[in-house]
């Protein structure tokens, strides 16, 4: 059906169409000689299932708007504002810690070996990187055992990447992965992880541990089709609660990817094939390791939620959806946090605004 109506009734007609049950209709609205407005609306059970408008004023301007009922995320409609904001789910990778002694650290698809560089000498002369000679890497502990079992392959990996890796003198640097065929027929991937220069007086700082957690997360993401990862850390890195919490926080924070407003090939899930990561500590297993790792993961979830709030567009995050987010935080706190939402009347009584 095609009808002609006065231009002044256009807005009223569009508002009325929100409650219409018609399957389809089209409109042609005529104004003066320089204005033409056409509307084509296809309706289903949802009032805004398909809505296309085109406006033309003279011959110089045009505007178009399209909306679809198949919205990939929670947002507003013409009838109702957005009442809640979606949260980015936390990574489901299981992070754990175990003592390296007596363990089969090379049972995983990816084996990341931590390497401490020799202590820097205070009186050592500074040279340009191109002129600097890199001494052969020296392994110890589990790293040495693995290198010997692999016929010196780890030493070769460090030598081939000596200019960039510098024997692990920069915390968080990694070598490319090296594939070695195992006896069972499945290829293992080995990566060297720089832990920085050894300093017995200062020890390993918190910032260094967080760099390592982020580097391991990135390596897991880069190694496609790998489902498990082992990280071998030398005895200089203590298996304390703070170490595990810092590592866990940086690890899970680095796996954050806001896919709430993405569709199709733009959706990216970090390290989506990896199911488990185990830290093999040569300093031994710490009591309460699982609790420390869980604390770090919860801290990372808080960071991710903050990013979600900052990243949310205004058509999603409004006063009501933000209040709903606050209520969810309180509900998930197990009683540690209480939340009270004040309405207009309560705010006026308190002289707010």
Protein backbone atom coordinates (compact mmCIF):
# COMPACT_ATOMS: atom_id res chain seq x y z
CA UNK A 1 0.00 0.00 0.00
CA UNK A 2 1.35 3.44 -0.91
CA UNK A 3 -0.04 6.65 0.54
CA UNK A 4 0.79 10.33 0.57
CA UNK A 5 0.65 12.31 3.83
CA UNK A 6 1.55 15.82 4.99
CA UNK A 7 5.13 16.19 6.08
CA UNK A 8 4.10 17.37 9.56
CA UNK A 9 2.58 13.93 10.34
CA UNK A 10 5.80 12.01 9.71
CA UNK A 11 6.99 11.92 13.33
CA UNK A 12 3.59 10.89 14.64
CA UNK A 13 3.36 8.13 12.05
CA UNK A 14 6.78 6.74 12.95
CA UNK A 15 5.90 6.72 16.63
CA UNK A 16 2.64 5.01 15.88
CA UNK A 17 4.39 2.34 13.81
CA UNK A 18 6.14 1.12 16.98
CA UNK A 19 2.89 -0.50 18.11
CA UNK A 20 1.71 -1.56 14.67
CA UNK A 21 1.32 -5.23 13.78
CA UNK A 22 1.43 -4.73 10.03
CA UNK A 23 4.00 -6.79 8.15
CA UNK A 24 5.18 -4.06 5.78
CA UNK A 25 4.30 -0.66 4.41
CA UNK A 26 5.93 2.24 2.58
CA UNK A 27 5.35 5.97 2.71
CA UNK A 28 5.96 8.87 0.37
CA UNK A 29 5.81 12.34 1.88
CA UNK A 30 5.91 15.40 -0.32
CA UNK A 31 6.80 18.90 0.81
CA UNK A 32 7.91 21.81 -1.28
CA UNK A 33 9.91 21.39 -4.46
CA UNK A 34 13.21 21.16 -2.59
CA UNK A 35 12.18 18.59 0.03
CA UNK A 36 11.35 14.91 -0.29
CA UNK A 37 11.05 12.36 2.52
CA UNK A 38 10.50 8.64 2.01
CA UNK A 39 10.14 5.90 4.62
CA UNK A 40 10.13 2.15 4.14
CA UNK A 41 9.44 0.11 7.28
CA UNK A 42 9.22 -3.65 7.62
CA UNK A 43 7.66 -4.72 10.91
CA UNK A 44 7.53 -7.99 12.77
CA UNK A 45 6.76 -8.85 16.37
CA UNK A 46 9.55 -6.50 17.48
CA UNK A 47 8.66 -2.82 17.02
CA UNK A 48 12.07 -1.87 15.60
CA UNK A 49 12.96 -4.96 13.63
CA UNK A 50 13.83 -3.05 10.49
CA UNK A 51 13.77 0.67 10.02
CA UNK A 52 15.21 2.55 7.06
CA UNK A 53 14.76 6.24 6.39
CA UNK A 54 16.16 8.63 3.85
CA UNK A 55 15.84 12.39 3.90
CA UNK A 56 16.85 14.83 1.27
CA UNK A 57 16.78 18.60 1.63
CA UNK A 58 17.45 20.22 -1.75
CA UNK A 59 20.22 18.47 -3.68
CA UNK A 60 23.07 18.98 -1.22
CA UNK A 61 22.42 16.87 1.90
CA UNK A 62 21.32 13.35 2.74
CA UNK A 63 21.08 11.18 5.86
CA UNK A 64 20.38 7.48 6.32
CA UNK A 65 19.78 5.27 9.36
CA UNK A 66 19.50 1.51 9.59
CA UNK A 67 18.71 -0.65 12.61
CA UNK A 68 18.44 -4.42 12.92
CA UNK A 69 16.56 -6.61 15.40
CA UNK A 70 19.51 -9.01 15.56
CA UNK A 71 21.59 -6.84 17.87
CA UNK A 72 24.93 -8.45 18.89
CA UNK A 73 24.89 -6.69 22.27
CA UNK A 74 22.47 -5.21 24.78
CA UNK A 75 21.56 -1.64 23.84
CA UNK A 76 18.69 0.84 23.70
CA UNK A 77 15.55 0.79 21.56
CA UNK A 78 13.10 3.53 20.65
CA UNK A 79 10.83 2.23 23.39
CA UNK A 80 13.29 1.62 26.21
CA UNK A 81 16.72 2.73 27.33
CA UNK A 82 19.51 0.25 28.12
CA UNK A 83 19.10 -1.15 31.64
CA UNK A 84 22.32 -3.17 31.94
CA UNK A 85 25.84 -3.42 30.56
CA UNK A 86 27.41 -6.68 29.44
CA UNK A 87 30.67 -7.71 31.12
CA UNK A 88 33.67 -9.23 29.36
CA UNK A 89 34.02 -12.80 30.68
CA UNK A 90 37.29 -13.73 32.40
CA UNK A 91 39.66 -16.17 30.74
CA UNK A 92 38.99 -19.81 31.61
CA UNK A 93 42.65 -20.84 31.43
CA UNK A 94 43.63 -22.73 34.59
CA UNK A 95 46.81 -21.26 36.10
CA UNK A 96 48.59 -23.32 38.76
CA UNK A 97 51.97 -23.60 40.50
CA UNK A 98 54.00 -26.69 41.41
CA UNK A 99 57.48 -27.63 42.55
CA UNK A 100 59.87 -28.23 39.67
CA UNK A 101 61.89 -30.90 41.46
CA UNK A 102 60.93 -34.35 40.25
CA UNK A 103 58.28 -32.99 37.86
CA UNK A 104 58.04 -33.66 34.13
CA UNK A 105 58.16 -30.04 33.04
CA UNK A 106 58.23 -30.89 29.33
CA UNK A 107 54.89 -32.72 29.15
CA UNK A 108 53.09 -29.65 27.78
CA UNK A 109 52.68 -28.46 24.19
CA UNK A 110 54.66 -25.29 24.97
CA UNK A 111 57.61 -25.15 27.37
CA UNK A 112 58.75 -21.66 28.40
CA UNK A 113 62.13 -21.63 30.14
CA UNK A 114 63.01 -18.64 32.31
CA UNK A 115 66.59 -17.40 32.02
CA UNK A 116 68.42 -14.98 34.31
CA UNK A 117 71.22 -13.01 32.67
CA UNK A 118 74.56 -12.61 34.52
CA UNK A 119 74.85 -9.68 36.88
CA UNK A 120 75.97 -6.49 35.16
CA UNK A 121 79.39 -5.28 36.18
CA UNK A 122 79.46 -1.67 37.36
CA UNK A 123 82.78 -0.96 35.65
CA UNK A 124 81.84 -2.61 32.37
CA UNK A 125 82.34 -0.33 29.37
CA UNK A 126 79.23 0.52 27.39
CA UNK A 127 79.40 -0.48 23.73
CA UNK A 128 77.10 -0.04 20.79
CA UNK A 129 74.77 -2.97 20.29
CA UNK A 130 76.31 -3.71 16.89
CA UNK A 131 79.80 -3.98 18.43
CA UNK A 132 78.83 -5.83 21.58
CA UNK A 133 79.83 -9.47 21.74
CA UNK A 134 77.30 -11.70 23.47
CA UNK A 135 78.83 -14.37 25.65
CA UNK A 136 77.41 -17.90 25.30
CA UNK A 137 74.43 -18.42 27.57
CA UNK A 138 74.97 -20.42 30.75
CA UNK A 139 72.04 -22.46 32.05
CA UNK A 140 71.53 -23.82 35.53
CA UNK A 141 69.03 -26.03 37.33
CA UNK A 142 66.10 -27.33 35.31
CA UNK A 143 67.03 -25.19 32.32
CA UNK A 144 70.42 -26.93 32.18
CA UNK A 145 68.79 -30.35 32.45
CA UNK A 146 66.43 -29.56 29.59
CA UNK A 147 69.22 -28.18 27.41
CA UNK A 148 71.34 -31.29 27.95
CA UNK A 149 68.38 -33.58 27.22
CA UNK A 150 67.79 -31.67 23.98
CA UNK A 151 71.43 -31.87 22.90
CA UNK A 152 72.14 -28.17 23.42
CA UNK A 153 69.13 -26.99 21.41
CA UNK A 154 68.20 -24.32 23.97
CA UNK A 155 71.73 -22.89 23.86
CA UNK A 156 71.50 -22.79 20.07
CA UNK A 157 68.14 -20.99 20.33
CA UNK A 158 69.71 -18.33 22.56
CA UNK A 159 72.73 -17.98 20.25
CA UNK A 160 70.61 -17.58 17.12
CA UNK A 161 68.68 -14.75 18.78
CA UNK A 162 71.55 -13.31 20.83
CA UNK A 163 71.28 -9.73 19.55
CA UNK A 164 67.60 -9.43 20.46
CA UNK A 165 67.45 -11.74 23.48
CA UNK A 166 70.78 -10.71 25.11
CA UNK A 167 70.76 -13.84 27.26
CA UNK A 168 67.54 -12.67 28.93
CA UNK A 169 68.92 -9.40 30.29
CA UNK A 170 65.60 -7.59 29.68
CA UNK A 171 62.68 -8.95 31.71
CA UNK A 172 59.76 -10.13 29.59
CA UNK A 173 61.65 -10.64 26.32
CA UNK A 174 61.14 -13.96 24.57
CA UNK A 175 62.78 -15.85 21.73
CA UNK A 176 60.85 -17.28 18.80
CA UNK A 177 59.54 -20.77 19.49
CA UNK A 178 61.61 -23.80 18.50
CA UNK A 179 59.80 -27.00 17.53
CA UNK A 180 61.37 -30.31 18.53
CA UNK A 181 59.84 -33.66 17.67
CA UNK A 182 59.27 -35.72 20.79
CA UNK A 183 59.53 -39.49 21.13
CA UNK A 184 55.75 -39.77 21.06
CA UNK A 185 55.61 -38.11 17.66
CA UNK A 186 54.15 -34.79 18.80
CA UNK A 187 56.23 -31.65 18.33
CA UNK A 188 57.03 -29.63 21.43
CA UNK A 189 57.55 -25.87 21.27
CA UNK A 190 60.34 -24.37 23.38
CA UNK A 191 60.65 -20.65 24.20
CA UNK A 192 63.25 -18.83 26.28
CA UNK A 193 61.92 -16.11 28.60
CA UNK A 194 64.20 -13.33 29.80
CA UNK A 195 64.03 -12.67 33.55
CA UNK A 196 66.39 -9.72 33.61
CA UNK A 197 69.89 -9.48 35.04
CA UNK A 198 70.57 -11.31 38.28
CA UNK A 199 70.95 -9.07 41.30
CA UNK A 200 71.27 -10.93 44.63
CA UNK A 201 70.98 -7.70 46.62
CA UNK A 202 67.71 -6.47 45.07
CA UNK A 203 66.19 -9.80 44.18
CA UNK A 204 63.27 -10.06 41.74
CA UNK A 205 60.97 -7.06 41.96
CA UNK A 206 57.18 -7.03 41.62
CA UNK A 207 57.32 -5.12 38.34
CA UNK A 208 59.55 -7.83 36.89
CA UNK A 209 57.13 -10.56 37.92
CA UNK A 210 54.26 -8.72 36.24
CA UNK A 211 56.30 -8.38 33.04
CA UNK A 212 56.79 -12.15 33.10
CA UNK A 213 53.07 -12.80 33.56
CA UNK A 214 52.22 -10.56 30.61
CA UNK A 215 54.93 -12.16 28.44
CA UNK A 216 53.66 -15.68 29.17
CA UNK A 217 50.09 -14.65 28.29
CA UNK A 218 51.29 -13.18 24.98
CA UNK A 219 53.33 -16.29 24.19
CA UNK A 220 50.30 -18.51 24.87
CA UNK A 221 48.25 -16.38 22.48
CA UNK A 222 50.89 -16.54 19.75
CA UNK A 223 51.25 -20.34 19.91
CA UNK A 224 48.17 -21.46 18.02
CA UNK A 225 46.61 -24.90 18.60
CA UNK A 226 48.58 -25.36 21.84
CA UNK A 227 46.41 -26.55 24.74
CA UNK A 228 48.94 -26.65 27.60
CA UNK A 229 51.96 -24.65 28.69
CA UNK A 230 54.74 -25.19 31.24
CA UNK A 231 56.76 -22.27 32.62
CA UNK A 232 60.06 -23.18 34.31
CA UNK A 233 61.27 -20.55 36.78
CA UNK A 234 64.66 -20.73 38.56
CA UNK A 235 65.20 -20.80 42.31
CA UNK A 236 65.95 -17.05 42.40
CA UNK A 237 62.23 -16.42 41.90
CA UNK A 238 60.53 -17.16 45.19
CA UNK A 239 57.26 -19.03 45.20
CA UNK A 240 55.75 -16.53 47.61
CA UNK A 241 52.15 -15.37 47.77
CA UNK A 242 53.04 -11.94 46.37
CA UNK A 243 54.97 -13.47 43.46
CA UNK A 244 52.07 -15.70 42.44
CA UNK A 245 49.51 -12.92 42.89
CA UNK A 246 51.52 -10.47 40.76
CA UNK A 247 52.11 -13.06 38.05
CA UNK A 248 48.44 -14.08 38.01
CA UNK A 249 47.21 -10.47 37.87
CA UNK A 250 49.41 -9.60 34.88
CA UNK A 251 48.70 -12.93 33.16
CA UNK A 252 44.92 -12.65 33.23
CA UNK A 253 44.92 -8.89 32.59
CA UNK A 254 46.91 -9.47 29.39
CA UNK A 255 44.25 -11.91 28.15
CA UNK A 256 41.55 -9.20 28.23
CA UNK A 257 39.85 -8.54 24.91
CA UNK A 258 36.65 -6.48 24.69
CA UNK A 259 34.52 -8.31 22.13
CA UNK A 260 31.16 -6.99 23.32
CA UNK A 261 30.72 -4.73 20.30
CA UNK A 262 32.49 -6.89 17.73
CA UNK A 263 31.07 -9.47 15.35
CA UNK A 264 32.39 -12.00 12.88
CA UNK A 265 36.12 -12.04 12.21
CA UNK A 266 36.69 -9.01 14.41
CA UNK A 267 36.08 -11.10 17.55
CA UNK A 268 39.41 -12.03 19.16
CA UNK A 269 39.73 -14.44 22.08
CA UNK A 270 43.23 -14.38 23.53
CA UNK A 271 44.93 -17.79 23.79
CA UNK A 272 41.60 -19.47 23.02
CA UNK A 273 43.13 -22.95 22.56
CA UNK A 274 45.09 -23.00 25.82
CA UNK A 275 43.43 -24.83 28.70
CA UNK A 276 46.15 -24.86 31.37
CA UNK A 277 49.39 -23.11 32.34
CA UNK A 278 51.62 -24.52 35.08
CA UNK A 279 54.40 -22.61 36.82
CA UNK A 280 57.17 -25.00 37.80
CA UNK A 281 59.05 -23.29 40.61
CA UNK A 282 62.57 -24.48 41.41
CA UNK A 283 62.19 -22.69 44.75
CA UNK A 284 59.47 -25.20 45.65
CA UNK A 285 55.71 -25.13 45.93
CA UNK A 286 54.24 -22.42 48.14
CA UNK A 287 51.52 -23.05 50.68
CA UNK A 288 48.26 -21.50 49.56
CA UNK A 289 49.42 -21.15 45.95
CA UNK A 290 45.92 -21.62 44.58
CA UNK A 291 44.57 -18.88 46.85
CA UNK A 292 47.31 -16.44 45.76
CA UNK A 293 46.64 -17.16 42.09
CA UNK A 294 42.89 -16.73 42.65
CA UNK A 295 43.52 -13.35 44.30
CA UNK A 296 45.50 -12.24 41.27
CA UNK A 297 42.76 -13.38 38.93
CA UNK A 298 40.15 -11.43 40.89
CA UNK A 299 42.31 -8.32 40.72
CA UNK A 300 42.54 -8.80 36.95
CA UNK A 301 38.75 -9.14 36.75
CA UNK A 302 38.44 -5.80 38.53
CA UNK A 303 40.80 -4.20 36.02
CA UNK A 304 38.83 -5.73 33.15
CA UNK A 305 35.53 -4.44 34.52
CA UNK A 306 37.02 -0.96 34.75
CA UNK A 307 38.01 -1.21 31.10
CA UNK A 308 34.49 -2.41 30.24
CA UNK A 309 32.97 0.65 31.89
CA UNK A 310 35.38 3.03 30.17
CA UNK A 311 34.91 1.34 26.78
CA UNK A 312 31.09 1.22 26.90
CA UNK A 313 29.40 3.72 24.55
CA UNK A 314 26.82 6.18 25.83
CA UNK A 315 23.94 4.30 24.25
CA UNK A 316 24.82 1.35 26.54
CA UNK A 317 26.21 2.89 29.72
CA UNK A 318 23.81 5.34 31.34
CA UNK A 319 22.91 6.08 34.97
CA UNK A 320 20.63 3.04 35.21
CA UNK A 321 23.00 0.50 33.62
CA UNK A 322 25.85 1.85 35.76
CA UNK A 323 23.69 1.41 38.87
CA UNK A 324 22.92 -2.14 37.74
CA UNK A 325 26.67 -2.78 37.40
CA UNK A 326 27.21 -1.56 40.96
CA UNK A 327 24.50 -3.92 42.23
CA UNK A 328 26.11 -6.87 40.43
CA UNK A 329 29.47 -6.05 41.99
CA UNK A 330 27.87 -6.05 45.44
CA UNK A 331 26.08 -9.34 44.76
CA UNK A 332 29.29 -11.05 43.64
CA UNK A 333 31.23 -9.78 46.67
CA UNK A 334 29.61 -12.29 48.99
CA UNK A 335 28.52 -9.59 51.41
CA UNK A 336 31.83 -7.70 51.51
CA UNK A 337 30.28 -4.81 49.60
CA UNK A 338 26.80 -3.34 49.99
CA UNK A 339 25.12 -1.15 47.41
CA UNK A 340 22.35 1.41 47.79
CA UNK A 341 20.91 3.14 44.72
CA UNK A 342 19.39 6.55 45.36
CA UNK A 343 16.51 7.76 43.21
CA UNK A 344 15.49 11.30 42.38
CA UNK A 345 13.54 11.86 45.59
CA UNK A 346 16.32 10.49 47.83
CA UNK A 347 18.87 12.71 46.12
CA UNK A 348 16.67 15.79 46.52
CA UNK A 349 16.18 15.08 50.24
CA UNK A 350 19.94 14.99 50.70
CA UNK A 351 20.39 18.22 48.79
CA UNK A 352 22.37 16.56 46.03
CA UNK A 353 22.51 18.62 42.85
